[in-house]
């Protein structure tokens, strides 16, 4: 099975560029998870809304042109939800949990905390709700895959300029500590199962043309629970795919 996760920074934009269609055609994912779609499904047409050979699932924000996630699956999923259990985070269109025969797939566009202290608090509360929800599912006997734009670089290896960003949301100690806690709860960062060195990023600032200089951040992740580790065959960053300020990431399961 091949799962791809990609913050597209606007699904209509990557569709116009043809990049979205190229990902379906050349990568042939079994499941494609998109974040920051910035669209209501009614604003999408044709193969953008219903790619040939895929079932489409969406979660969108109450605010137009903001946030949003979409999951496209070759097989129809068993169930879908757009919030964590017993929370009220669904109004920003950041959560899409789809139930597949062998796992629950969390397609999440985690909040950015840079705008204000209030948004940072929201981000941390969102983090905690996600961890509680996913850990409870594992405790219940389900396998869990969490993917998406986490909006935090975990360690100094995961961004080009850690010292300059030590006090910037996205690399704050409390944000990084949450990823530590997620790992301590039994979830593995699949990219780090195969690559221990730095210099590998998934987001670059477009305005400064940082991608050309590879001055970036690794803020997009796949996490899997311990029971799935033996099935993880590869987890590359697809840096040759353009169209957004993020590039896609991939998880291959045996």
C-alpha atoms as a PDB file:
ATOM      1  CA  UNK A   1       0.000   0.000   0.000  1.00  0.00           C
ATOM      2  CA  UNK A   2       1.190   3.475  -0.870  1.00  0.00           C
ATOM      3  CA  UNK A   3      -0.070   6.544   1.001  1.00  0.00           C
ATOM      4  CA  UNK A   4       0.936  10.087   0.054  1.00  0.00           C
ATOM      5  CA  UNK A   5       0.424  13.181   2.199  1.00  0.00           C
ATOM      6  CA  UNK A   6       0.747  16.692   0.777  1.00  0.00           C
ATOM      7  CA  UNK A   7      -0.001  20.221   1.935  1.00  0.00           C
ATOM      8  CA  UNK A   8      -1.060  21.640  -1.419  1.00  0.00           C
ATOM      9  CA  UNK A   9      -1.571  25.269  -0.310  1.00  0.00           C
ATOM     10  CA  UNK A  10      -4.778  25.321  -2.355  1.00  0.00           C
ATOM     11  CA  UNK A  11      -6.210  22.289  -4.161  1.00  0.00           C
ATOM     12  CA  UNK A  12      -7.553  24.407  -7.010  1.00  0.00           C
ATOM     13  CA  UNK A  13      -4.102  25.916  -7.546  1.00  0.00           C
ATOM     14  CA  UNK A  14      -2.322  22.556  -7.898  1.00  0.00           C
ATOM     15  CA  UNK A  15      -5.154  21.323 -10.120  1.00  0.00           C
ATOM     16  CA  UNK A  16      -4.733  24.332 -12.443  1.00  0.00           C
ATOM     17  CA  UNK A  17      -0.995  23.699 -12.606  1.00  0.00           C
ATOM     18  CA  UNK A  18      -1.608  20.041 -13.460  1.00  0.00           C
ATOM     19  CA  UNK A  19       0.518  18.906 -10.532  1.00  0.00           C
ATOM     20  CA  UNK A  20      -2.312  17.159  -8.730  1.00  0.00           C
ATOM     21  CA  UNK A  21      -3.127  15.080 -11.785  1.00  0.00           C
ATOM     22  CA  UNK A  22       0.560  14.221 -12.205  1.00  0.00           C
ATOM     23  CA  UNK A  23       0.710  12.878  -8.652  1.00  0.00           C
ATOM     24  CA  UNK A  24      -2.261  10.597  -9.312  1.00  0.00           C
ATOM     25  CA  UNK A  25      -0.855   9.503 -12.677  1.00  0.00           C
ATOM     26  CA  UNK A  26       2.811   8.993 -11.843  1.00  0.00           C
ATOM     27  CA  UNK A  27       2.729   8.081  -8.155  1.00  0.00           C
ATOM     28  CA  UNK A  28      -0.413   5.917  -8.300  1.00  0.00           C
ATOM     29  CA  UNK A  29      -1.146   6.217  -4.560  1.00  0.00           C
ATOM     30  CA  UNK A  30      -3.655   3.911  -2.920  1.00  0.00           C
ATOM     31  CA  UNK A  31      -4.545   6.839  -0.663  1.00  0.00           C
ATOM     32  CA  UNK A  32      -3.772  10.527  -1.157  1.00  0.00           C
ATOM     33  CA  UNK A  33      -4.168  12.876   1.816  1.00  0.00           C
ATOM     34  CA  UNK A  34      -4.189  16.609   1.123  1.00  0.00           C
ATOM     35  CA  UNK A  35      -3.988  19.474   3.592  1.00  0.00           C
ATOM     36  CA  UNK A  36      -4.722  23.200   3.245  1.00  0.00           C
ATOM     37  CA  UNK A  37      -7.117  22.594   0.379  1.00  0.00           C
ATOM     38  CA  UNK A  38      -8.726  26.028   0.874  1.00  0.00           C
ATOM     39  CA  UNK A  39     -11.956  24.916  -0.754  1.00  0.00           C
ATOM     40  CA  UNK A  40     -15.444  23.627  -0.116  1.00  0.00           C
ATOM     41  CA  UNK A  41     -16.198  20.479  -2.189  1.00  0.00           C
ATOM     42  CA  UNK A  42     -18.887  22.421  -4.076  1.00  0.00           C
ATOM     43  CA  UNK A  43     -16.116  24.673  -5.415  1.00  0.00           C
ATOM     44  CA  UNK A  44     -14.390  21.700  -7.042  1.00  0.00           C
ATOM     45  CA  UNK A  45     -15.253  20.155 -10.363  1.00  0.00           C
ATOM     46  CA  UNK A  46     -14.517  17.049 -12.403  1.00  0.00           C
ATOM     47  CA  UNK A  47     -11.407  15.065 -11.576  1.00  0.00           C
ATOM     48  CA  UNK A  48     -10.447  17.476  -8.808  1.00  0.00           C
ATOM     49  CA  UNK A  49     -13.491  16.566  -6.777  1.00  0.00           C
ATOM     50  CA  UNK A  50     -13.836  12.962  -7.953  1.00  0.00           C
ATOM     51  CA  UNK A  51     -10.538  11.655  -9.368  1.00  0.00           C
ATOM     52  CA  UNK A  52     -11.122   8.620 -11.546  1.00  0.00           C
ATOM     53  CA  UNK A  53     -10.717   5.408  -9.571  1.00  0.00           C
ATOM     54  CA  UNK A  54     -10.930   7.073  -6.137  1.00  0.00           C
ATOM     55  CA  UNK A  55     -13.501   7.732  -3.450  1.00  0.00           C
ATOM     56  CA  UNK A  56     -13.374  11.324  -2.158  1.00  0.00           C
ATOM     57  CA  UNK A  57     -13.722  12.562   1.413  1.00  0.00           C
ATOM     58  CA  UNK A  58     -13.528  16.177   2.564  1.00  0.00           C
ATOM     59  CA  UNK A  59     -13.483  18.341   5.653  1.00  0.00           C
ATOM     60  CA  UNK A  60     -13.679  22.089   5.204  1.00  0.00           C
ATOM     61  CA  UNK A  61     -13.538  25.193   7.352  1.00  0.00           C
ATOM     62  CA  UNK A  62     -16.494  27.427   8.157  1.00  0.00           C
ATOM     63  CA  UNK A  63     -14.307  30.301   6.998  1.00  0.00           C
ATOM     64  CA  UNK A  64     -14.066  30.371   3.191  1.00  0.00           C
ATOM     65  CA  UNK A  65     -10.704  29.850   1.508  1.00  0.00           C
ATOM     66  CA  UNK A  66      -9.107  28.622   4.715  1.00  0.00           C
ATOM     67  CA  UNK A  67      -7.612  25.342   5.906  1.00  0.00           C
ATOM     68  CA  UNK A  68      -9.391  22.170   4.704  1.00  0.00           C
ATOM     69  CA  UNK A  69      -8.329  18.552   4.196  1.00  0.00           C
ATOM     70  CA  UNK A  70      -9.208  15.880   1.639  1.00  0.00           C
ATOM     71  CA  UNK A  71      -8.588  12.147   1.440  1.00  0.00           C
ATOM     72  CA  UNK A  72      -8.825  10.179  -1.799  1.00  0.00           C
ATOM     73  CA  UNK A  73      -8.887   6.388  -1.474  1.00  0.00           C
ATOM     74  CA  UNK A  74      -9.001   3.651  -4.107  1.00  0.00           C
ATOM     75  CA  UNK A  75     -11.192   1.604  -1.778  1.00  0.00           C
ATOM     76  CA  UNK A  76     -14.280   2.932  -0.081  1.00  0.00           C
ATOM     77  CA  UNK A  77     -13.567   3.554   3.593  1.00  0.00           C
ATOM     78  CA  UNK A  78     -15.563   2.027   6.441  1.00  0.00           C
ATOM     79  CA  UNK A  79     -16.253   5.265   8.313  1.00  0.00           C
ATOM     80  CA  UNK A  80     -15.304   8.946   8.370  1.00  0.00           C
ATOM     81  CA  UNK A  81     -15.161  11.581  11.080  1.00  0.00           C
ATOM     82  CA  UNK A  82     -14.101  15.209  11.006  1.00  0.00           C
ATOM     83  CA  UNK A  83     -13.246  15.859  14.662  1.00  0.00           C
ATOM     84  CA  UNK A  84     -11.482  14.216  17.550  1.00  0.00           C
ATOM     85  CA  UNK A  85     -13.599  12.376  20.071  1.00  0.00           C
ATOM     86  CA  UNK A  86     -15.426  14.696  22.486  1.00  0.00           C
ATOM     87  CA  UNK A  87     -13.822  17.879  21.102  1.00  0.00           C
ATOM     88  CA  UNK A  88     -14.922  20.826  18.979  1.00  0.00           C
ATOM     89  CA  UNK A  89     -11.997  21.348  16.631  1.00  0.00           C
ATOM     90  CA  UNK A  90     -13.895  20.340  13.502  1.00  0.00           C
ATOM     91  CA  UNK A  91     -15.033  23.840  12.530  1.00  0.00           C
ATOM     92  CA  UNK A  92     -11.628  24.729  11.030  1.00  0.00           C
ATOM     93  CA  UNK A  93     -11.626  21.747   8.668  1.00  0.00           C
ATOM     94  CA  UNK A  94      -8.353  20.319   9.893  1.00  0.00           C
ATOM     95  CA  UNK A  95      -9.317  16.734  10.711  1.00  0.00           C
ATOM     96  CA  UNK A  96     -10.271  13.772   8.557  1.00  0.00           C
ATOM     97  CA  UNK A  97     -10.113  10.335  10.197  1.00  0.00           C
ATOM     98  CA  UNK A  98     -10.927   7.509   7.790  1.00  0.00           C
ATOM     99  CA  UNK A  99     -11.340   3.907   8.847  1.00  0.00           C
ATOM    100  CA  UNK A 100      -9.670   1.354   6.593  1.00  0.00           C
ATOM    101  CA  UNK A 101      -9.721  -2.426   7.069  1.00  0.00           C
ATOM    102  CA  UNK A 102      -6.304  -2.547   8.757  1.00  0.00           C
ATOM    103  CA  UNK A 103      -5.892   0.908  10.305  1.00  0.00           C
ATOM    104  CA  UNK A 104      -7.338   4.313  11.082  1.00  0.00           C
ATOM    105  CA  UNK A 105      -5.806   7.064   8.968  1.00  0.00           C
ATOM    106  CA  UNK A 106      -5.612  10.527  10.546  1.00  0.00           C
ATOM    107  CA  UNK A 107      -5.213  13.155   7.812  1.00  0.00           C
ATOM    108  CA  UNK A 108      -4.506  16.294   9.849  1.00  0.00           C
ATOM    109  CA  UNK A 109      -3.646  19.891   9.061  1.00  0.00           C
ATOM    110  CA  UNK A 110      -2.276  20.972  12.429  1.00  0.00           C
ATOM    111  CA  UNK A 111      -2.624  24.652  13.379  1.00  0.00           C
ATOM    112  CA  UNK A 112       0.136  27.211  12.986  1.00  0.00           C
ATOM    113  CA  UNK A 113       0.961  29.088  16.191  1.00  0.00           C
ATOM    114  CA  UNK A 114       2.855  32.067  14.742  1.00  0.00           C
ATOM    115  CA  UNK A 115      -0.020  34.540  14.559  1.00  0.00           C
ATOM    116  CA  UNK A 116      -0.545  35.107  18.281  1.00  0.00           C
ATOM    117  CA  UNK A 117      -0.323  33.647  21.755  1.00  0.00           C
ATOM    118  CA  UNK A 118      -3.973  32.673  21.415  1.00  0.00           C
ATOM    119  CA  UNK A 119      -3.279  30.651  18.279  1.00  0.00           C
ATOM    120  CA  UNK A 120      -0.306  28.978  19.928  1.00  0.00           C
ATOM    121  CA  UNK A 121      -2.564  27.939  22.808  1.00  0.00           C
ATOM    122  CA  UNK A 122      -5.090  26.633  20.295  1.00  0.00           C
ATOM    123  CA  UNK A 123      -2.335  24.679  18.557  1.00  0.00           C
ATOM    124  CA  UNK A 124      -1.187  23.065  21.809  1.00  0.00           C
ATOM    125  CA  UNK A 125      -4.765  22.148  22.791  1.00  0.00           C
ATOM    126  CA  UNK A 126      -5.260  20.657  19.320  1.00  0.00           C
ATOM    127  CA  UNK A 127      -2.038  18.654  19.734  1.00  0.00           C
ATOM    128  CA  UNK A 128      -3.215  17.249  23.061  1.00  0.00           C
ATOM    129  CA  UNK A 129      -6.626  16.297  21.669  1.00  0.00           C
ATOM    130  CA  UNK A 130      -4.998  14.497  18.735  1.00  0.00           C
ATOM    131  CA  UNK A 131      -2.674  12.528  20.992  1.00  0.00           C
ATOM    132  CA  UNK A 132      -5.491  11.520  23.347  1.00  0.00           C
ATOM    133  CA  UNK A 133      -7.667  10.424  20.456  1.00  0.00           C
ATOM    134  CA  UNK A 134      -4.993   8.414  18.658  1.00  0.00           C
ATOM    135  CA  UNK A 135      -3.654   6.802  21.831  1.00  0.00           C
ATOM    136  CA  UNK A 136      -7.170   5.767  22.850  1.00  0.00           C
ATOM    137  CA  UNK A 137      -7.662   4.086  19.480  1.00  0.00           C
ATOM    138  CA  UNK A 138      -4.439   2.125  19.862  1.00  0.00           C
ATOM    139  CA  UNK A 139      -5.447   1.182  23.405  1.00  0.00           C
ATOM    140  CA  UNK A 140      -8.712  -0.144  21.924  1.00  0.00           C
ATOM    141  CA  UNK A 141      -6.761  -2.426  19.604  1.00  0.00           C
ATOM    142  CA  UNK A 142      -6.750  -0.350  16.420  1.00  0.00           C
ATOM    143  CA  UNK A 143      -3.726   0.446  14.309  1.00  0.00           C
ATOM    144  CA  UNK A 144      -3.237   4.176  13.666  1.00  0.00           C
ATOM    145  CA  UNK A 145      -1.435   6.197  11.004  1.00  0.00           C
ATOM    146  CA  UNK A 146      -1.171   9.954  11.571  1.00  0.00           C
ATOM    147  CA  UNK A 147      -0.105  12.057   8.610  1.00  0.00           C
ATOM    148  CA  UNK A 148      -0.097  15.667   7.576  1.00  0.00           C
ATOM    149  CA  UNK A 149       1.410  19.072   8.111  1.00  0.00           C
ATOM    150  CA  UNK A 150       2.330  19.072  11.810  1.00  0.00           C
ATOM    151  CA  UNK A 151       3.669  22.647  11.600  1.00  0.00           C
ATOM    152  CA  UNK A 152       6.589  21.815  13.902  1.00  0.00           C
ATOM    153  CA  UNK A 153      10.147  20.666  13.219  1.00  0.00           C
ATOM    154  CA  UNK A 154      11.043  18.028  15.766  1.00  0.00           C
ATOM    155  CA  UNK A 155      14.813  18.356  16.225  1.00  0.00           C
ATOM    156  CA  UNK A 156      17.651  20.563  15.027  1.00  0.00           C
ATOM    157  CA  UNK A 157      18.147  18.090  12.172  1.00  0.00           C
ATOM    158  CA  UNK A 158      14.709  18.995  10.858  1.00  0.00           C
ATOM    159  CA  UNK A 159      15.309  22.596   9.859  1.00  0.00           C
ATOM    160  CA  UNK A 160      18.153  24.416   8.176  1.00  0.00           C
ATOM    161  CA  UNK A 161      18.527  27.204  10.738  1.00  0.00           C
ATOM    162  CA  UNK A 162      17.614  25.958  14.215  1.00  0.00           C
ATOM    163  CA  UNK A 163      19.401  28.688  16.199  1.00  0.00           C
ATOM    164  CA  UNK A 164      17.717  31.518  14.304  1.00  0.00           C
ATOM    165  CA  UNK A 165      14.293  29.897  14.867  1.00  0.00           C
ATOM    166  CA  UNK A 166      14.656  28.808  18.490  1.00  0.00           C
ATOM    167  CA  UNK A 167      11.982  31.281  19.631  1.00  0.00           C
ATOM    168  CA  UNK A 168       9.691  30.946  16.607  1.00  0.00           C
ATOM    169  CA  UNK A 169       6.473  28.948  16.666  1.00  0.00           C
ATOM    170  CA  UNK A 170       7.187  25.769  14.767  1.00  0.00           C
ATOM    171  CA  UNK A 171      10.351  25.129  16.751  1.00  0.00           C
ATOM    172  CA  UNK A 172       9.397  26.117  20.284  1.00  0.00           C
ATOM    173  CA  UNK A 173      10.359  23.741  23.107  1.00  0.00           C
ATOM    174  CA  UNK A 174       6.739  23.001  24.021  1.00  0.00           C
ATOM    175  CA  UNK A 175       5.843  22.189  20.405  1.00  0.00           C
ATOM    176  CA  UNK A 176       8.828  19.894  19.987  1.00  0.00           C
ATOM    177  CA  UNK A 177       8.088  18.258  23.333  1.00  0.00           C
ATOM    178  CA  UNK A 178       4.673  17.220  22.064  1.00  0.00           C
ATOM    179  CA  UNK A 179       6.324  15.212  19.277  1.00  0.00           C
ATOM    180  CA  UNK A 180       8.532  13.627  21.956  1.00  0.00           C
ATOM    181  CA  UNK A 181       5.387  12.669  23.861  1.00  0.00           C
ATOM    182  CA  UNK A 182       3.772  11.262  20.727  1.00  0.00           C
ATOM    183  CA  UNK A 183       6.829   9.075  20.173  1.00  0.00           C
ATOM    184  CA  UNK A 184       6.918   8.097  23.850  1.00  0.00           C
ATOM    185  CA  UNK A 185       3.280   7.013  23.467  1.00  0.00           C
ATOM    186  CA  UNK A 186       4.428   4.402  20.956  1.00  0.00           C
ATOM    187  CA  UNK A 187       4.260   6.234  17.621  1.00  0.00           C
ATOM    188  CA  UNK A 188       7.238   6.238  15.249  1.00  0.00           C
ATOM    189  CA  UNK A 189       8.305   9.010  12.875  1.00  0.00           C
ATOM    190  CA  UNK A 190       8.571   6.792   9.801  1.00  0.00           C
ATOM    191  CA  UNK A 191      11.026   9.000   7.914  1.00  0.00           C
ATOM    192  CA  UNK A 192      13.531   8.602  10.751  1.00  0.00           C
ATOM    193  CA  UNK A 193      13.341   4.825  10.489  1.00  0.00           C
ATOM    194  CA  UNK A 194      15.355   5.171   7.268  1.00  0.00           C
ATOM    195  CA  UNK A 195      17.205   8.495   7.427  1.00  0.00           C
ATOM    196  CA  UNK A 196      19.180   9.722  10.448  1.00  0.00           C
ATOM    197  CA  UNK A 197      20.868  12.771   8.917  1.00  0.00           C
ATOM    198  CA  UNK A 198      19.724  16.366   8.469  1.00  0.00           C
ATOM    199  CA  UNK A 199      19.231  18.359   5.300  1.00  0.00           C
ATOM    200  CA  UNK A 200      15.896  16.746   4.400  1.00  0.00           C
ATOM    201  CA  UNK A 201      12.959  19.135   4.336  1.00  0.00           C
ATOM    202  CA  UNK A 202       9.326  19.276   3.208  1.00  0.00           C
ATOM    203  CA  UNK A 203       8.574  23.025   3.377  1.00  0.00           C
ATOM    204  CA  UNK A 204      10.425  26.060   2.063  1.00  0.00           C
ATOM    205  CA  UNK A 205       9.596  29.760   2.082  1.00  0.00           C
ATOM    206  CA  UNK A 206       8.577  30.690  -1.456  1.00  0.00           C
ATOM    207  CA  UNK A 207       9.240  34.412  -1.161  1.00  0.00           C
ATOM    208  CA  UNK A 208      12.947  33.945  -0.455  1.00  0.00           C
ATOM    209  CA  UNK A 209      13.315  31.126  -3.006  1.00  0.00           C
ATOM    210  CA  UNK A 210      14.518  28.955  -0.146  1.00  0.00           C
ATOM    211  CA  UNK A 211      13.822  25.717  -1.986  1.00  0.00           C
ATOM    212  CA  UNK A 212      16.541  26.465  -4.509  1.00  0.00           C
ATOM    213  CA  UNK A 213      19.002  26.766  -1.625  1.00  0.00           C
ATOM    214  CA  UNK A 214      17.372  23.944   0.406  1.00  0.00           C
ATOM    215  CA  UNK A 215      16.860  26.234   3.388  1.00  0.00           C
ATOM    216  CA  UNK A 216      13.800  24.481   4.700  1.00  0.00           C
ATOM    217  CA  UNK A 217      11.903  22.750   7.464  1.00  0.00           C
ATOM    218  CA  UNK A 218      10.709  19.161   7.816  1.00  0.00           C
ATOM    219  CA  UNK A 219       7.237  19.722   9.218  1.00  0.00           C
ATOM    220  CA  UNK A 220       5.248  17.046   7.348  1.00  0.00           C
ATOM    221  CA  UNK A 221       5.173  13.591   8.903  1.00  0.00           C
ATOM    222  CA  UNK A 222       3.868  10.068   8.943  1.00  0.00           C
ATOM    223  CA  UNK A 223       3.573   8.517  12.405  1.00  0.00           C
ATOM    224  CA  UNK A 224       2.535   4.880  12.931  1.00  0.00           C
ATOM    225  CA  UNK A 225       1.863   2.901  16.072  1.00  0.00           C
ATOM    226  CA  UNK A 226       4.273   0.165  17.125  1.00  0.00           C
ATOM    227  CA  UNK A 227       2.217  -2.722  15.754  1.00  0.00           C
ATOM    228  CA  UNK A 228       2.564  -1.319  12.221  1.00  0.00           C
ATOM    229  CA  UNK A 229       6.337  -0.886  12.296  1.00  0.00           C
ATOM    230  CA  UNK A 230       7.096  -4.248  10.685  1.00  0.00           C
ATOM    231  CA  UNK A 231       4.951  -3.259   7.705  1.00  0.00           C
ATOM    232  CA  UNK A 232       6.756   0.031   6.968  1.00  0.00           C
ATOM    233  CA  UNK A 233       8.812  -0.537   3.812  1.00  0.00           C
ATOM    234  CA  UNK A 234       9.781   3.063   2.947  1.00  0.00           C
ATOM    235  CA  UNK A 235       8.932   6.646   3.855  1.00  0.00           C
ATOM    236  CA  UNK A 236      10.567   9.072   1.422  1.00  0.00           C
ATOM    237  CA  UNK A 237      10.124  12.822   0.946  1.00  0.00           C
ATOM    238  CA  UNK A 238       9.129  13.440  -2.670  1.00  0.00           C
ATOM    239  CA  UNK A 239      11.240  16.538  -3.267  1.00  0.00           C
ATOM    240  CA  UNK A 240      10.988  16.311  -7.055  1.00  0.00           C
ATOM    241  CA  UNK A 241       7.286  17.242  -6.960  1.00  0.00           C
ATOM    242  CA  UNK A 242       6.540  20.975  -7.114  1.00  0.00           C
ATOM    243  CA  UNK A 243       3.364  23.053  -7.129  1.00  0.00           C
ATOM    244  CA  UNK A 244       3.201  24.092  -3.460  1.00  0.00           C
ATOM    245  CA  UNK A 245       5.496  25.500  -0.786  1.00  0.00           C
ATOM    246  CA  UNK A 246       5.428  21.949   0.605  1.00  0.00           C
ATOM    247  CA  UNK A 247       6.411  18.794  -1.218  1.00  0.00           C
ATOM    248  CA  UNK A 248       4.600  15.483  -0.706  1.00  0.00           C
ATOM    249  CA  UNK A 249       5.735  12.762   1.656  1.00  0.00           C
ATOM    250  CA  UNK A 250       5.110   9.057   1.185  1.00  0.00           C
ATOM    251  CA  UNK A 251       4.532   5.935   3.257  1.00  0.00           C
ATOM    252  CA  UNK A 252       4.836   2.464   1.726  1.00  0.00           C
ATOM    253  CA  UNK A 253       3.427  -0.464   3.674  1.00  0.00           C
ATOM    254  CA  UNK A 254       4.012  -4.154   3.038  1.00  0.00           C
END
